[in-house]
Amino acid sequence: MVPAPVGYPCSRKVPIMRIWHAALVLVTLVVIVAAVAVVMAYRSDIGAARARLAAYDVTRIETRSGPLAYAEAGTGPAVLMIHGSGGGYDQGLAMTRPLAERGYRVIAPSRFGYPATPYPQDPSLQAQTDAYVDLLDALGLEDVVVMGGSAGAISAVAFAIDHPERTRALVAVVPAIPIPGQAPVEPWSPLQEKLVRAALRSDFLFWAAITLFPDQVTEAVLATEPALVAAASEGEQARVAAILDAILPVSPRAEGLLHDTAGVSGISLDYAAVTVPTLAISAEDDLYRTDEGARALAEAASDAELIVFADGGHVWVGRNADLFDAIDAFIGGLDEAR
């Protein structure tokens, strides 16, 4: 039997060590390249989002609560569009584009804590509706159709109750409003509030969420079943994707979102005090259960119509044309009813 050459075990270790070293270098390079790609994609997307937000022609007026930003589109009968959570003047105009195209003047303010509207010392519902009055005064408008979407319906309904003389009509779309008899939302612990505050101020975290987990974000944030979106037309899929994308940048919306995440706890609205013509619209499968709020409002208000679609979710997938046909017909019929 021939003996092994002197140093043979070491000669086997050298190539193995080289292989491990090369593999480590390769993995490191892959991680670096992936990280660079992620950073570049994020910078590109967030840059586009910031440019999109900045592209609007925004005006700021002084109200009794401080500056209030708004943007406008279209000409014709005035509609004051109050946006939902994660929105701003941009969401308000994007949501109501069909109205502007049909001959309405859409005025879309940013609520307290949303883009270009600072979060005031007094962010109460009364202060917010007073700011809307100041906006109408600044624009020289005697009255408007007030339209509130999702969480924006809270202050829209409150405005109609407190200022019926300035409210031509009320339109509540998927209204995230208090339900009579509903248990109050449990307040956050200081730690929970701190974590949520940090998350909402991070554009990167939200970008990563909608990039990596769009279906989960669609269900959790847009309260709409992903399968419903997947089965919709390409146009509707693009509309839903645009709604998600438009939440970016999220950091300028952080204070408003934090205010909204407190939910409707502590807020009480007397729907029977709504005396103006009212249209409430929702969908049976809205995961936020806004159909319950729409029904409560329509049943209590003195002059209300109710439309509840069988499906569509919180962003009324596949129902966009039906929704704006109904709103257009409702507003168009106001003069006939007088």
C-alpha atoms as a PDB file:
ATOM      1  CA  MET A   1       0.000   0.000   0.000  1.00  0.00           C
ATOM      2  CA  VAL A   2       1.463   3.359  -1.055  1.00  0.00           C
ATOM      3  CA  PRO A   3       1.607   5.871   1.823  1.00  0.00           C
ATOM      4  CA  ALA A   4      -0.082   9.233   1.404  1.00  0.00           C
ATOM      5  CA  PRO A   5       2.243  12.084   0.449  1.00  0.00           C
ATOM      6  CA  VAL A   6       3.467  14.295   3.223  1.00  0.00           C
ATOM      7  CA  GLY A   7       1.100  17.274   3.688  1.00  0.00           C
ATOM      8  CA  TYR A   8      -1.786  15.633   1.826  1.00  0.00           C
ATOM      9  CA  PRO A   9      -4.489  16.616   4.373  1.00  0.00           C
ATOM     10  CA  CYS A  10      -3.490  20.275   4.119  1.00  0.00           C
ATOM     11  CA  SER A  11      -3.607  20.113   0.335  1.00  0.00           C
ATOM     12  CA  ARG A  12      -7.273  19.046   0.600  1.00  0.00           C
ATOM     13  CA  LYS A  13      -8.146  21.900   2.987  1.00  0.00           C
ATOM     14  CA  VAL A  14      -6.786  24.659   0.753  1.00  0.00           C
ATOM     15  CA  PRO A  15      -9.256  24.267  -2.134  1.00  0.00           C
ATOM     16  CA  ILE A  16     -12.171  23.766   0.302  1.00  0.00           C
ATOM     17  CA  MET A  17     -11.288  26.985   2.106  1.00  0.00           C
ATOM     18  CA  ARG A  18     -10.991  28.758  -1.214  1.00  0.00           C
ATOM     19  CA  ILE A  19     -14.424  27.492  -2.254  1.00  0.00           C
ATOM     20  CA  TRP A  20     -15.991  28.690   1.009  1.00  0.00           C
ATOM     21  CA  HIS A  21     -14.266  32.034   0.671  1.00  0.00           C
ATOM     22  CA  ALA A  22     -15.471  32.429  -2.911  1.00  0.00           C
ATOM     23  CA  ALA A  23     -19.010  31.456  -1.899  1.00  0.00           C
ATOM     24  CA  LEU A  24     -18.966  33.992   0.928  1.00  0.00           C
ATOM     25  CA  VAL A  25     -17.767  36.706  -1.418  1.00  0.00           C
ATOM     26  CA  LEU A  26     -20.436  35.752  -3.962  1.00  0.00           C
ATOM     27  CA  VAL A  27     -23.226  35.812  -1.367  1.00  0.00           C
ATOM     28  CA  THR A  28     -22.000  39.166  -0.073  1.00  0.00           C
ATOM     29  CA  LEU A  29     -21.979  40.589  -3.580  1.00  0.00           C
ATOM     30  CA  VAL A  30     -25.498  39.284  -4.227  1.00  0.00           C
ATOM     31  CA  VAL A  31     -26.732  40.859  -0.991  1.00  0.00           C
ATOM     32  CA  ILE A  32     -25.059  44.161  -1.860  1.00  0.00           C
ATOM     33  CA  VAL A  33     -26.477  44.151  -5.387  1.00  0.00           C
ATOM     34  CA  ALA A  34     -29.943  43.298  -4.055  1.00  0.00           C
ATOM     35  CA  ALA A  35     -29.709  46.042  -1.432  1.00  0.00           C
ATOM     36  CA  VAL A  36     -28.606  48.566  -4.036  1.00  0.00           C
ATOM     37  CA  ALA A  37     -31.476  47.493  -6.307  1.00  0.00           C
ATOM     38  CA  VAL A  38     -33.971  47.905  -3.450  1.00  0.00           C
ATOM     39  CA  VAL A  39     -32.603  51.340  -2.570  1.00  0.00           C
ATOM     40  CA  MET A  40     -32.696  52.440  -6.205  1.00  0.00           C
ATOM     41  CA  ALA A  41     -36.256  51.147  -6.653  1.00  0.00           C
ATOM     42  CA  TYR A  42     -37.376  52.876  -3.465  1.00  0.00           C
ATOM     43  CA  ARG A  43     -35.740  56.167  -4.411  1.00  0.00           C
ATOM     44  CA  SER A  44     -37.311  56.015  -7.853  1.00  0.00           C
ATOM     45  CA  ASP A  45     -40.785  55.223  -6.540  1.00  0.00           C
ATOM     46  CA  ILE A  46     -40.750  57.681  -3.641  1.00  0.00           C
ATOM     47  CA  GLY A  47     -39.324  60.367  -5.913  1.00  0.00           C
ATOM     48  CA  ALA A  48     -42.174  59.807  -8.353  1.00  0.00           C
ATOM     49  CA  ALA A  49     -44.694  59.870  -5.488  1.00  0.00           C
ATOM     50  CA  ARG A  50     -43.353  63.156  -4.143  1.00  0.00           C
ATOM     51  CA  ALA A  51     -43.347  64.667  -7.619  1.00  0.00           C
ATOM     52  CA  ARG A  52     -46.931  63.519  -8.148  1.00  0.00           C
ATOM     53  CA  LEU A  53     -48.027  65.180  -4.899  1.00  0.00           C
ATOM     54  CA  ALA A  54     -46.133  68.376  -5.707  1.00  0.00           C
ATOM     55  CA  ALA A  55     -47.645  68.587  -9.200  1.00  0.00           C
ATOM     56  CA  TYR A  56     -51.045  69.702  -7.886  1.00  0.00           C
ATOM     57  CA  ASP A  57     -51.928  73.381  -7.953  1.00  0.00           C
ATOM     58  CA  VAL A  58     -52.435  73.863  -4.221  1.00  0.00           C
ATOM     59  CA  THR A  59     -53.743  76.952  -2.447  1.00  0.00           C
ATOM     60  CA  ARG A  60     -53.495  77.583   1.287  1.00  0.00           C
ATOM     61  CA  ILE A  61     -55.871  79.849   3.159  1.00  0.00           C
ATOM     62  CA  GLU A  62     -55.856  80.984   6.765  1.00  0.00           C
ATOM     63  CA  THR A  63     -58.649  79.603   8.922  1.00  0.00           C
ATOM     64  CA  ARG A  64     -59.371  80.033  12.604  1.00  0.00           C
ATOM     65  CA  SER A  65     -57.387  76.783  13.108  1.00  0.00           C
ATOM     66  CA  GLY A  66     -54.437  77.819  10.952  1.00  0.00           C
ATOM     67  CA  PRO A  67     -53.516  77.089   7.325  1.00  0.00           C
ATOM     68  CA  LEU A  68     -55.774  74.838   5.253  1.00  0.00           C
ATOM     69  CA  ALA A  69     -54.618  73.506   1.882  1.00  0.00           C
ATOM     70  CA  TYR A  70     -56.943  72.676  -0.979  1.00  0.00           C
ATOM     71  CA  ALA A  71     -56.889  71.945  -4.698  1.00  0.00           C
ATOM     72  CA  GLU A  72     -59.599  72.263  -7.336  1.00  0.00           C
ATOM     73  CA  ALA A  73     -60.668  70.650 -10.590  1.00  0.00           C
ATOM     74  CA  GLY A  74     -63.521  71.235 -13.010  1.00  0.00           C
ATOM     75  CA  THR A  75     -66.179  73.912 -13.340  1.00  0.00           C
ATOM     76  CA  GLY A  76     -69.857  73.890 -12.483  1.00  0.00           C
ATOM     77  CA  PRO A  77     -71.869  73.197  -9.316  1.00  0.00           C
ATOM     78  CA  ALA A  78     -69.511  73.117  -6.324  1.00  0.00           C
ATOM     79  CA  VAL A  79     -68.725  69.858  -4.527  1.00  0.00           C
ATOM     80  CA  LEU A  80     -66.636  69.979  -1.350  1.00  0.00           C
ATOM     81  CA  MET A  81     -64.832  66.629  -1.324  1.00  0.00           C
ATOM     82  CA  ILE A  82     -63.595  65.473   2.095  1.00  0.00           C
ATOM     83  CA  HIS A  83     -60.979  62.746   1.686  1.00  0.00           C
ATOM     84  CA  GLY A  84     -60.538  59.560   3.697  1.00  0.00           C
ATOM     85  CA  SER A  85     -57.648  58.162   5.728  1.00  0.00           C
ATOM     86  CA  GLY A  86     -54.267  58.232   4.040  1.00  0.00           C
ATOM     87  CA  GLY A  87     -55.440  60.946   1.690  1.00  0.00           C
ATOM     88  CA  GLY A  88     -55.199  64.666   1.177  1.00  0.00           C
ATOM     89  CA  TYR A  89     -56.162  67.084  -1.570  1.00  0.00           C
ATOM     90  CA  ASP A  90     -54.630  64.622  -4.031  1.00  0.00           C
ATOM     91  CA  GLN A  91     -56.830  61.717  -2.974  1.00  0.00           C
ATOM     92  CA  GLY A  92     -59.884  63.969  -2.971  1.00  0.00           C
ATOM     93  CA  LEU A  93     -59.348  65.057  -6.564  1.00  0.00           C
ATOM     94  CA  ALA A  94     -58.324  61.602  -7.773  1.00  0.00           C
ATOM     95  CA  MET A  95     -61.402  59.999  -6.264  1.00  0.00           C
ATOM     96  CA  THR A  96     -63.803  62.535  -7.778  1.00  0.00           C
ATOM     97  CA  ARG A  97     -62.211  62.900 -11.210  1.00  0.00           C
ATOM     98  CA  PRO A  98     -65.401  61.531 -12.837  1.00  0.00           C
ATOM     99  CA  LEU A  99     -67.370  64.401 -11.264  1.00  0.00           C
ATOM    100  CA  ALA A 100     -64.964  67.039 -12.564  1.00  0.00           C
ATOM    101  CA  GLU A 101     -65.231  65.435 -15.994  1.00  0.00           C
ATOM    102  CA  ARG A 102     -69.041  65.578 -15.801  1.00  0.00           C
ATOM    103  CA  GLY A 103     -69.217  69.310 -15.190  1.00  0.00           C
ATOM    104  CA  TYR A 104     -68.730  69.825 -11.459  1.00  0.00           C
ATOM    105  CA  ARG A 105     -66.319  72.058  -9.593  1.00  0.00           C
ATOM    106  CA  VAL A 106     -64.575  69.806  -7.087  1.00  0.00           C
ATOM    107  CA  ILE A 107     -62.888  71.506  -4.128  1.00  0.00           C
ATOM    108  CA  ALA A 108     -60.671  69.082  -2.221  1.00  0.00           C
ATOM    109  CA  PRO A 109     -59.096  70.271   1.042  1.00  0.00           C
ATOM    110  CA  SER A 110     -56.539  68.374   3.085  1.00  0.00           C
ATOM    111  CA  ARG A 111     -57.948  67.625   6.511  1.00  0.00           C
ATOM    112  CA  PHE A 112     -55.936  68.409   9.633  1.00  0.00           C
ATOM    113  CA  GLY A 113     -52.554  66.670   9.557  1.00  0.00           C
ATOM    114  CA  TYR A 114     -52.641  65.806   5.863  1.00  0.00           C
ATOM    115  CA  PRO A 115     -50.483  67.251   3.043  1.00  0.00           C
ATOM    116  CA  ALA A 116     -49.879  71.002   3.441  1.00  0.00           C
ATOM    117  CA  THR A 117     -52.439  71.350   6.260  1.00  0.00           C
ATOM    118  CA  PRO A 118     -50.706  71.400   9.661  1.00  0.00           C
ATOM    119  CA  TYR A 119     -52.130  69.500  12.606  1.00  0.00           C
ATOM    120  CA  PRO A 120     -53.521  72.224  14.891  1.00  0.00           C
ATOM    121  CA  GLN A 121     -53.594  72.505  18.657  1.00  0.00           C
ATOM    122  CA  ASP A 122     -57.341  71.915  18.523  1.00  0.00           C
ATOM    123  CA  PRO A 123     -57.988  69.075  16.052  1.00  0.00           C
ATOM    124  CA  SER A 124     -61.585  68.590  17.180  1.00  0.00           C
ATOM    125  CA  LEU A 125     -64.430  67.799  14.831  1.00  0.00           C
ATOM    126  CA  GLN A 126     -65.922  71.228  15.514  1.00  0.00           C
ATOM    127  CA  ALA A 127     -62.639  72.909  14.584  1.00  0.00           C
ATOM    128  CA  GLN A 128     -62.435  70.899  11.348  1.00  0.00           C
ATOM    129  CA  THR A 129     -65.959  71.817  10.243  1.00  0.00           C
ATOM    130  CA  ASP A 130     -65.325  75.458  11.160  1.00  0.00           C
ATOM    131  CA  ALA A 131     -62.301  75.335   8.859  1.00  0.00           C
ATOM    132  CA  TYR A 132     -64.563  74.174   6.026  1.00  0.00           C
ATOM    133  CA  VAL A 133     -66.799  77.190   6.670  1.00  0.00           C
ATOM    134  CA  ASP A 134     -63.747  79.446   6.460  1.00  0.00           C
ATOM    135  CA  LEU A 135     -62.825  77.792   3.158  1.00  0.00           C
ATOM    136  CA  LEU A 136     -66.267  78.418   1.677  1.00  0.00           C
ATOM    137  CA  ASP A 137     -66.123  82.028   2.859  1.00  0.00           C
ATOM    138  CA  ALA A 138     -62.708  82.468   1.234  1.00  0.00           C
ATOM    139  CA  LEU A 139     -64.070  81.073  -2.029  1.00  0.00           C
ATOM    140  CA  GLY A 140     -67.228  83.179  -1.866  1.00  0.00           C
ATOM    141  CA  LEU A 141     -69.504  80.134  -1.881  1.00  0.00           C
ATOM    142  CA  GLU A 142     -72.867  80.285  -0.138  1.00  0.00           C
ATOM    143  CA  ASP A 143     -73.388  76.528  -0.158  1.00  0.00           C
ATOM    144  CA  VAL A 144     -71.957  73.330  -1.616  1.00  0.00           C
ATOM    145  CA  VAL A 145     -72.687  69.662  -1.992  1.00  0.00           C
ATOM    146  CA  VAL A 146     -70.565  68.114   0.764  1.00  0.00           C
ATOM    147  CA  MET A 147     -69.150  64.707  -0.108  1.00  0.00           C
ATOM    148  CA  GLY A 148     -67.203  62.602   2.376  1.00  0.00           C
ATOM    149  CA  GLY A 149     -65.391  59.380   1.604  1.00  0.00           C
ATOM    150  CA  SER A 150     -64.575  56.776   4.267  1.00  0.00           C
ATOM    151  CA  ALA A 151     -63.223  58.594   7.366  1.00  0.00           C
ATOM    152  CA  GLY A 152     -63.883  61.901   5.610  1.00  0.00           C
ATOM    153  CA  ALA A 153     -67.594  61.215   5.976  1.00  0.00           C
ATOM    154  CA  ILE A 154     -67.344  61.938   9.708  1.00  0.00           C
ATOM    155  CA  SER A 155     -66.612  65.631   9.255  1.00  0.00           C
ATOM    156  CA  ALA A 156     -68.858  65.785   6.172  1.00  0.00           C
ATOM    157  CA  VAL A 157     -71.846  64.594   8.215  1.00  0.00           C
ATOM    158  CA  ALA A 158     -70.896  66.909  11.087  1.00  0.00           C
ATOM    159  CA  PHE A 159     -70.742  69.834   8.648  1.00  0.00           C
ATOM    160  CA  ALA A 160     -74.210  69.016   7.326  1.00  0.00           C
ATOM    161  CA  ILE A 161     -75.564  68.904  10.889  1.00  0.00           C
ATOM    162  CA  ASP A 162     -73.856  72.088  12.110  1.00  0.00           C
ATOM    163  CA  HIS A 163     -74.184  74.138   8.913  1.00  0.00           C
ATOM    164  CA  PRO A 164     -77.279  73.063   6.976  1.00  0.00           C
ATOM    165  CA  GLU A 165     -77.538  76.550   5.449  1.00  0.00           C
ATOM    166  CA  ARG A 166     -74.143  75.992   3.786  1.00  0.00           C
ATOM    167  CA  THR A 167     -74.926  72.411   2.749  1.00  0.00           C
ATOM    168  CA  ARG A 168     -76.844  71.966  -0.480  1.00  0.00           C
ATOM    169  CA  ALA A 169     -76.733  68.197  -0.030  1.00  0.00           C
ATOM    170  CA  LEU A 170     -74.677  65.471   1.654  1.00  0.00           C
ATOM    171  CA  VAL A 171     -73.082  62.509  -0.116  1.00  0.00           C
ATOM    172  CA  ALA A 172     -71.521  59.846   2.129  1.00  0.00           C
ATOM    173  CA  VAL A 173     -69.454  57.279   0.218  1.00  0.00           C
ATOM    174  CA  VAL A 174     -68.400  54.126   2.120  1.00  0.00           C
ATOM    175  CA  PRO A 175     -68.852  56.196   5.290  1.00  0.00           C
ATOM    176  CA  ALA A 176     -66.601  55.136   8.180  1.00  0.00           C
ATOM    177  CA  ILE A 177     -68.888  56.842  10.673  1.00  0.00           C
ATOM    178  CA  PRO A 178     -69.957  55.915  14.208  1.00  0.00           C
ATOM    179  CA  ILE A 179     -72.554  53.169  14.499  1.00  0.00           C
ATOM    180  CA  PRO A 180     -75.163  53.766  17.209  1.00  0.00           C
ATOM    181  CA  GLY A 181     -74.634  51.271  20.032  1.00  0.00           C
ATOM    182  CA  GLN A 182     -71.207  50.219  18.789  1.00  0.00           C
ATOM    183  CA  ALA A 183     -68.635  49.525  21.505  1.00  0.00           C
ATOM    184  CA  PRO A 184     -65.910  52.190  21.716  1.00  0.00           C
ATOM    185  CA  VAL A 185     -62.468  51.407  20.342  1.00  0.00           C
ATOM    186  CA  GLU A 186     -59.924  50.473  22.988  1.00  0.00           C
ATOM    187  CA  PRO A 187     -57.226  53.165  23.250  1.00  0.00           C
ATOM    188  CA  TRP A 188     -53.651  52.273  22.392  1.00  0.00           C
ATOM    189  CA  SER A 189     -50.987  51.783  24.992  1.00  0.00           C
ATOM    190  CA  PRO A 190     -48.125  54.331  24.930  1.00  0.00           C
ATOM    191  CA  LEU A 191     -45.868  51.681  23.355  1.00  0.00           C
ATOM    192  CA  GLN A 192     -48.376  50.869  20.610  1.00  0.00           C
ATOM    193  CA  GLU A 193     -48.819  54.547  19.809  1.00  0.00           C
ATOM    194  CA  LYS A 194     -45.053  55.039  19.671  1.00  0.00           C
ATOM    195  CA  LEU A 195     -44.608  52.106  17.275  1.00  0.00           C
ATOM    196  CA  VAL A 196     -47.469  53.191  15.001  1.00  0.00           C
ATOM    197  CA  ARG A 197     -46.203  56.762  14.986  1.00  0.00           C
ATOM    198  CA  ALA A 198     -42.738  55.590  13.919  1.00  0.00           C
ATOM    199  CA  ALA A 199     -44.174  53.314  11.216  1.00  0.00           C
ATOM    200  CA  LEU A 200     -46.412  56.002   9.726  1.00  0.00           C
ATOM    201  CA  ARG A 201     -43.501  58.388   9.462  1.00  0.00           C
ATOM    202  CA  SER A 202     -41.482  55.874   7.448  1.00  0.00           C
ATOM    203  CA  ASP A 203     -42.078  56.108   3.718  1.00  0.00           C
ATOM    204  CA  PHE A 204     -39.767  53.127   3.252  1.00  0.00           C
ATOM    205  CA  LEU A 205     -41.801  50.766   5.449  1.00  0.00           C
ATOM    206  CA  PHE A 206     -45.053  51.508   3.649  1.00  0.00           C
ATOM    207  CA  TRP A 207     -43.352  51.320   0.258  1.00  0.00           C
ATOM    208  CA  ALA A 208     -41.909  47.920   1.181  1.00  0.00           C
ATOM    209  CA  ALA A 209     -45.318  46.709   2.335  1.00  0.00           C
ATOM    210  CA  ILE A 210     -47.190  47.625  -0.854  1.00  0.00           C
ATOM    211  CA  THR A 211     -44.300  46.400  -3.007  1.00  0.00           C
ATOM    212  CA  LEU A 212     -43.830  43.025  -1.324  1.00  0.00           C
ATOM    213  CA  PHE A 213     -47.323  42.323   0.001  1.00  0.00           C
ATOM    214  CA  PRO A 214     -49.850  44.177  -2.190  1.00  0.00           C
ATOM    215  CA  ASP A 215     -52.665  41.698  -1.549  1.00  0.00           C
ATOM    216  CA  GLN A 216     -52.284  41.877   2.215  1.00  0.00           C
ATOM    217  CA  VAL A 217     -52.204  45.683   2.129  1.00  0.00           C
ATOM    218  CA  THR A 218     -55.251  45.754  -0.160  1.00  0.00           C
ATOM    219  CA  GLU A 219     -57.157  43.680   2.370  1.00  0.00           C
ATOM    220  CA  ALA A 220     -55.886  45.442   5.504  1.00  0.00           C
ATOM    221  CA  VAL A 221     -55.769  49.063   4.311  1.00  0.00           C
ATOM    222  CA  LEU A 222     -58.284  49.210   1.463  1.00  0.00           C
ATOM    223  CA  ALA A 223     -60.641  46.761   3.202  1.00  0.00           C
ATOM    224  CA  THR A 224     -61.246  44.963  -0.080  1.00  0.00           C
ATOM    225  CA  GLU A 225     -60.831  41.274  -0.881  1.00  0.00           C
ATOM    226  CA  PRO A 226     -57.779  40.781  -3.161  1.00  0.00           C
ATOM    227  CA  ALA A 227     -59.687  38.140  -5.136  1.00  0.00           C
ATOM    228  CA  LEU A 228     -62.253  40.773  -6.064  1.00  0.00           C
ATOM    229  CA  VAL A 229     -59.507  42.978  -7.478  1.00  0.00           C
ATOM    230  CA  ALA A 230     -57.882  40.059  -9.312  1.00  0.00           C
ATOM    231  CA  ALA A 231     -61.180  39.262 -11.037  1.00  0.00           C
ATOM    232  CA  ALA A 232     -61.814  42.877 -12.063  1.00  0.00           C
ATOM    233  CA  SER A 233     -61.026  44.534 -15.381  1.00  0.00           C
ATOM    234  CA  GLU A 234     -57.543  45.849 -16.096  1.00  0.00           C
ATOM    235  CA  GLY A 235     -58.833  49.375 -15.696  1.00  0.00           C
ATOM    236  CA  GLU A 236     -60.233  48.654 -12.249  1.00  0.00           C
ATOM    237  CA  GLN A 237     -57.056  46.851 -11.197  1.00  0.00           C
ATOM    238  CA  ALA A 238     -55.080  49.912 -12.253  1.00  0.00           C
ATOM    239  CA  ARG A 239     -57.438  52.196 -10.314  1.00  0.00           C
ATOM    240  CA  VAL A 240     -57.005  50.161  -7.120  1.00  0.00           C
ATOM    241  CA  ALA A 241     -53.230  50.040  -7.569  1.00  0.00           C
ATOM    242  CA  ALA A 242     -53.224  53.816  -8.022  1.00  0.00           C
ATOM    243  CA  ILE A 243     -55.153  54.243  -4.761  1.00  0.00           C
ATOM    244  CA  LEU A 244     -52.480  52.270  -2.917  1.00  0.00           C
ATOM    245  CA  ASP A 245     -49.618  54.073  -4.640  1.00  0.00           C
ATOM    246  CA  ALA A 246     -51.171  57.458  -3.866  1.00  0.00           C
ATOM    247  CA  ILE A 247     -50.786  56.889  -0.126  1.00  0.00           C
ATOM    248  CA  LEU A 248     -47.076  57.453  -0.760  1.00  0.00           C
ATOM    249  CA  PRO A 249     -45.419  59.509   0.485  1.00  0.00           C
ATOM    250  CA  VAL A 250     -47.038  58.538   3.772  1.00  0.00           C
ATOM    251  CA  SER A 251     -44.897  60.765   6.009  1.00  0.00           C
ATOM    252  CA  PRO A 252     -46.762  64.027   5.129  1.00  0.00           C
ATOM    253  CA  ARG A 253     -49.962  62.222   6.123  1.00  0.00           C
ATOM    254  CA  ALA A 254     -48.694  60.799   9.412  1.00  0.00           C
ATOM    255  CA  GLU A 255     -50.391  63.209  11.826  1.00  0.00           C
ATOM    256  CA  GLY A 256     -53.711  62.908  10.027  1.00  0.00           C
ATOM    257  CA  LEU A 257     -53.469  59.127   9.945  1.00  0.00           C
ATOM    258  CA  LEU A 258     -52.663  59.017  13.643  1.00  0.00           C
ATOM    259  CA  HIS A 259     -55.730  61.142  14.295  1.00  0.00           C
ATOM    260  CA  ASP A 260     -57.868  58.862  12.134  1.00  0.00           C
ATOM    261  CA  THR A 261     -56.525  55.658  13.683  1.00  0.00           C
ATOM    262  CA  ALA A 262     -58.160  56.691  16.925  1.00  0.00           C
ATOM    263  CA  GLY A 263     -61.270  55.732  14.987  1.00  0.00           C
ATOM    264  CA  VAL A 264     -64.674  57.036  15.919  1.00  0.00           C
ATOM    265  CA  SER A 265     -64.138  56.481  19.624  1.00  0.00           C
ATOM    266  CA  GLY A 266     -65.596  59.374  21.576  1.00  0.00           C
ATOM    267  CA  ILE A 267     -67.379  60.811  18.529  1.00  0.00           C
ATOM    268  CA  SER A 268     -71.148  61.016  18.564  1.00  0.00           C
ATOM    269  CA  LEU A 269     -73.236  62.167  15.613  1.00  0.00           C
ATOM    270  CA  ASP A 270     -76.992  62.620  15.681  1.00  0.00           C
ATOM    271  CA  TYR A 271     -77.986  61.366  12.248  1.00  0.00           C
ATOM    272  CA  ALA A 272     -81.581  62.410  12.858  1.00  0.00           C
ATOM    273  CA  ALA A 273     -80.291  65.996  12.860  1.00  0.00           C
ATOM    274  CA  VAL A 274     -79.293  65.672   9.191  1.00  0.00           C
ATOM    275  CA  THR A 275     -82.021  67.623   7.402  1.00  0.00           C
ATOM    276  CA  VAL A 276     -80.403  68.210   4.005  1.00  0.00           C
ATOM    277  CA  PRO A 277     -80.914  65.852   1.034  1.00  0.00           C
ATOM    278  CA  THR A 278     -78.593  62.906   1.640  1.00  0.00           C
ATOM    279  CA  LEU A 279     -77.187  60.040  -0.405  1.00  0.00           C
ATOM    280  CA  ALA A 280     -75.398  57.207   1.414  1.00  0.00           C
ATOM    281  CA  ILE A 281     -73.488  54.615  -0.628  1.00  0.00           C
ATOM    282  CA  SER A 282     -71.604  51.492   0.434  1.00  0.00           C
ATOM    283  CA  ALA A 283     -71.035  47.823  -0.429  1.00  0.00           C
ATOM    284  CA  GLU A 284     -72.092  44.691   1.421  1.00  0.00           C
ATOM    285  CA  ASP A 285     -68.575  43.256   1.376  1.00  0.00           C
ATOM    286  CA  ASP A 286     -66.726  46.359   2.578  1.00  0.00           C
ATOM    287  CA  LEU A 287     -64.415  44.876   5.214  1.00  0.00           C
ATOM    288  CA  TYR A 288     -64.755  48.069   7.257  1.00  0.00           C
ATOM    289  CA  ARG A 289     -68.513  47.379   7.421  1.00  0.00           C
ATOM    290  CA  THR A 290     -69.375  50.871   6.219  1.00  0.00           C
ATOM    291  CA  ASP A 291     -72.683  49.506   4.970  1.00  0.00           C
ATOM    292  CA  GLU A 292     -73.810  49.635   8.606  1.00  0.00           C
ATOM    293  CA  GLY A 293     -72.934  53.319   8.853  1.00  0.00           C
ATOM    294  CA  ALA A 294     -74.606  54.062   5.527  1.00  0.00           C
ATOM    295  CA  ARG A 295     -77.791  52.345   6.676  1.00  0.00           C
ATOM    296  CA  ALA A 296     -77.776  54.095  10.054  1.00  0.00           C
ATOM    297  CA  LEU A 297     -77.406  57.479   8.380  1.00  0.00           C
ATOM    298  CA  ALA A 298     -80.048  56.820   5.721  1.00  0.00           C
ATOM    299  CA  GLU A 299     -82.571  55.471   8.216  1.00  0.00           C
ATOM    300  CA  ALA A 300     -82.242  58.423  10.603  1.00  0.00           C
ATOM    301  CA  ALA A 301     -81.833  61.373   8.222  1.00  0.00           C
ATOM    302  CA  SER A 302     -85.056  63.078   7.192  1.00  0.00           C
ATOM    303  CA  ASP A 303     -84.455  63.061   3.422  1.00  0.00           C
ATOM    304  CA  ALA A 304     -82.074  60.273   2.477  1.00  0.00           C
ATOM    305  CA  GLU A 305     -81.428  57.736  -0.250  1.00  0.00           C
ATOM    306  CA  LEU A 306     -79.449  54.543   0.320  1.00  0.00           C
ATOM    307  CA  ILE A 307     -77.465  52.508  -2.199  1.00  0.00           C
ATOM    308  CA  VAL A 308     -75.664  49.362  -1.046  1.00  0.00           C
ATOM    309  CA  PHE A 309     -73.898  47.430  -3.786  1.00  0.00           C
ATOM    310  CA  ALA A 310     -73.773  43.644  -3.448  1.00  0.00           C
ATOM    311  CA  ASP A 311     -70.006  43.744  -3.824  1.00  0.00           C
ATOM    312  CA  GLY A 312     -67.132  46.102  -4.545  1.00  0.00           C
ATOM    313  CA  GLY A 313     -65.362  46.362  -1.205  1.00  0.00           C
ATOM    314  CA  HIS A 314     -64.275  49.620   0.380  1.00  0.00           C
ATOM    315  CA  VAL A 315     -62.987  50.969  -2.950  1.00  0.00           C
ATOM    316  CA  TRP A 316     -66.103  49.835  -4.865  1.00  0.00           C
ATOM    317  CA  VAL A 317     -64.245  47.600  -7.340  1.00  0.00           C
ATOM    318  CA  GLY A 318     -66.223  47.228 -10.549  1.00  0.00           C
ATOM    319  CA  ARG A 319     -68.755  49.824  -9.379  1.00  0.00           C
ATOM    320  CA  ASN A 320     -66.988  53.089 -10.179  1.00  0.00           C
ATOM    321  CA  ALA A 321     -69.243  54.013 -13.101  1.00  0.00           C
ATOM    322  CA  ASP A 322     -72.372  52.990 -11.180  1.00  0.00           C
ATOM    323  CA  LEU A 323     -71.308  55.038  -8.167  1.00  0.00           C
ATOM    324  CA  PHE A 324     -70.734  58.248 -10.094  1.00  0.00           C
ATOM    325  CA  ASP A 325     -73.839  57.744 -12.208  1.00  0.00           C
ATOM    326  CA  ALA A 326     -75.795  57.627  -8.943  1.00  0.00           C
ATOM    327  CA  ILE A 327     -74.067  60.694  -7.501  1.00  0.00           C
ATOM    328  CA  ASP A 328     -74.524  62.649 -10.731  1.00  0.00           C
ATOM    329  CA  ALA A 329     -78.227  61.756 -10.865  1.00  0.00           C
ATOM    330  CA  PHE A 330     -78.674  62.648  -7.185  1.00  0.00           C
ATOM    331  CA  ILE A 331     -77.066  66.076  -7.507  1.00  0.00           C
ATOM    332  CA  GLY A 332     -78.798  66.708 -10.810  1.00  0.00           C
ATOM    333  CA  GLY A 333     -82.144  66.034  -9.189  1.00  0.00           C
ATOM    334  CA  LEU A 334     -81.661  68.570  -6.389  1.00  0.00           C
ATOM    335  CA  ASP A 335     -82.987  71.500  -8.417  1.00  0.00           C
ATOM    336  CA  GLU A 336     -85.972  69.464  -9.565  1.00  0.00           C
ATOM    337  CA  ALA A 337     -86.831  68.613  -5.957  1.00  0.00           C
ATOM    338  CA  ARG A 338     -86.862  72.271  -4.895  1.00  0.00           C
END
